[in-house]
Protein backbone atom coordinates (compact mmCIF):
# COMPACT_ATOMS: atom_id res chain seq x y z
CA MET A 1 0.00 0.00 0.00
CA ALA A 2 1.09 3.62 -0.39
CA SER A 3 3.06 5.43 2.27
CA GLY A 4 -0.21 6.97 3.41
CA SER A 5 -1.44 3.59 4.60
CA SER A 6 -3.25 3.50 7.93
CA ASN A 7 -0.74 0.91 9.21
CA TRP A 8 2.05 2.53 11.19
CA THR A 9 5.51 0.99 11.35
CA PRO A 10 7.65 1.29 14.48
CA ARG A 11 9.86 3.71 12.52
CA GLN A 12 6.86 5.90 11.63
CA ASN A 13 5.73 5.86 15.26
CA LYS A 14 9.18 7.02 16.37
CA LEU A 15 9.21 9.73 13.68
CA PHE A 16 5.75 10.81 14.86
CA GLU A 17 6.93 10.92 18.46
CA ASN A 18 9.91 13.08 17.49
CA ALA A 19 7.78 15.34 15.30
CA LEU A 20 5.33 15.88 18.18
CA ALA A 21 8.23 17.20 20.24
CA ILE A 22 9.07 19.68 17.49
CA PHE A 23 5.61 20.73 16.30
CA ASP A 24 3.57 21.54 19.40
CA GLN A 25 -0.01 22.77 19.50
CA GLN A 26 1.06 26.35 18.75
CA SER A 27 3.09 25.42 15.65
CA PRO A 28 1.71 26.81 12.39
CA ASP A 29 0.73 24.07 9.94
CA ARG A 30 1.26 21.50 12.69
CA TRP A 31 -0.78 18.72 11.09
CA HIS A 32 0.84 19.17 7.68
CA ASN A 33 4.30 19.12 9.25
CA LEU A 34 3.50 16.00 11.28
CA ALA A 35 2.08 14.27 8.20
CA ARG A 36 5.14 15.16 6.14
CA ALA A 37 7.48 13.89 8.88
CA VAL A 38 5.92 10.41 8.89
CA GLY A 39 4.77 10.06 5.28
CA LYS A 40 1.06 10.00 6.11
CA THR A 41 -1.93 12.14 5.25
CA VAL A 42 -3.12 14.88 7.59
CA GLU A 43 -6.26 12.86 8.30
CA GLU A 44 -4.24 9.74 9.19
CA VAL A 45 -2.05 11.77 11.53
CA LYS A 46 -5.08 13.30 13.26
CA VAL A 47 -6.69 9.88 13.71
CA HIS A 48 -3.43 8.40 15.04
CA TYR A 49 -2.98 11.32 17.43
CA GLN A 50 -6.52 10.94 18.74
CA MET A 51 -5.94 7.22 19.32
CA LEU A 52 -2.80 8.02 21.30
CA VAL A 53 -4.62 10.64 23.36
CA GLU A 54 -7.31 8.07 24.19
CA ASP A 55 -4.66 5.49 25.13
CA VAL A 56 -2.94 8.00 27.42
CA GLN A 57 -6.27 8.78 29.08
CA GLN A 58 -6.88 5.05 29.64
CA ILE A 59 -3.38 4.63 31.11
CA GLU A 60 -3.94 7.59 33.44
CA ALA A 61 -7.31 6.18 34.50
CA GLY A 62 -5.64 2.86 35.34
CA GLU A 63 -7.58 1.02 32.66
CA ILE A 64 -4.39 -0.06 30.86
CA PRO A 65 -1.34 -0.90 32.95
CA LEU A 66 2.10 0.27 31.88
CA PRO A 67 4.43 -2.55 30.88
CA ASN A 68 6.41 -4.07 33.73
CA TYR A 69 10.11 -3.62 32.93
CA THR A 70 12.87 -5.21 34.97
CA ARG A 71 16.64 -5.29 34.75
CA ARG A 72 18.11 -8.53 33.42
CA ALA A 73 20.53 -10.39 35.66
CA GLY A 74 24.08 -9.32 34.87
CA ALA A 75 22.89 -6.61 32.49
CA SER A 76 24.14 -3.04 32.45
CA ASN A 77 22.29 -0.31 34.32
CA LYS A 78 20.50 0.74 31.12
CA SER A 79 19.42 -2.73 29.97
CA TYR A 80 15.79 -3.51 30.66
CA HIS A 81 13.32 -5.99 29.22
CA CYS A 82 9.59 -6.31 29.44
CA ILE A 83 8.26 -9.18 31.56
CA ASP A 84 4.64 -8.75 30.54
CA ASP A 85 2.46 -11.63 29.52
CA GLN A 86 0.97 -11.79 26.02
CA ALA A 87 -2.41 -10.40 27.12
CA GLN A 88 -0.85 -7.28 28.60
CA ARG A 89 1.27 -6.74 25.49
CA SER A 90 -1.85 -6.83 23.35
CA ARG A 91 -3.54 -4.22 25.56
CA VAL A 92 -0.62 -1.81 25.43
CA ARG A 93 0.08 -1.39 21.72
CA ALA A 94 3.14 0.79 21.95
CA ALA A 95 3.58 1.91 25.52
CA PRO A 96 6.94 3.66 25.08
CA THR A 97 5.44 5.86 22.38
CA HIS A 98 2.34 6.46 24.48
CA LEU A 99 4.46 7.32 27.48
CA SER A 100 6.50 9.73 25.38
CA LEU A 101 3.32 11.32 24.06
CA TRP A 102 2.08 11.54 27.64
CA LEU A 103 5.22 13.44 28.58
CA TYR A 104 5.09 15.66 25.46
CA MET A 105 1.50 16.58 26.17
CA GLY A 106 2.40 17.61 29.71
CA LEU A 107 0.27 14.87 31.20
CA GLY A 108 3.28 13.34 32.91
CA VAL A 109 4.06 16.37 35.04
CA GLY A 110 5.76 15.14 38.16
CA LEU A 111 6.44 11.72 36.66
CA ILE A 112 9.98 10.49 37.17
CA VAL A 113 11.25 8.32 34.34
CA SER A 114 14.59 6.57 34.67
CA VAL A 115 16.14 4.23 32.16
């Protein structure tokens, strides 16, 4: 399908996350710039953004748990892996991106994130 497909690759999600940090709500032509950054249409970007906002709201409400990350034995201080079961992974589609969006949107004020 064309690059405007409604399926988002991990790379496009990361590009979207980075673009959100650059083009905030006050940026002129925000939606066009976001769409250009990820190779999607403006409508696809708006739909994707709304889905992320809803996911963040569900996480904040405790309806979707954040993934449970733990340090591997013998691993460096920055090496973590997810110990979630399959059901939890299916509920949290892309938690790192959602968490980043949460922070970008200012919803994570006071949240301490260490990796």
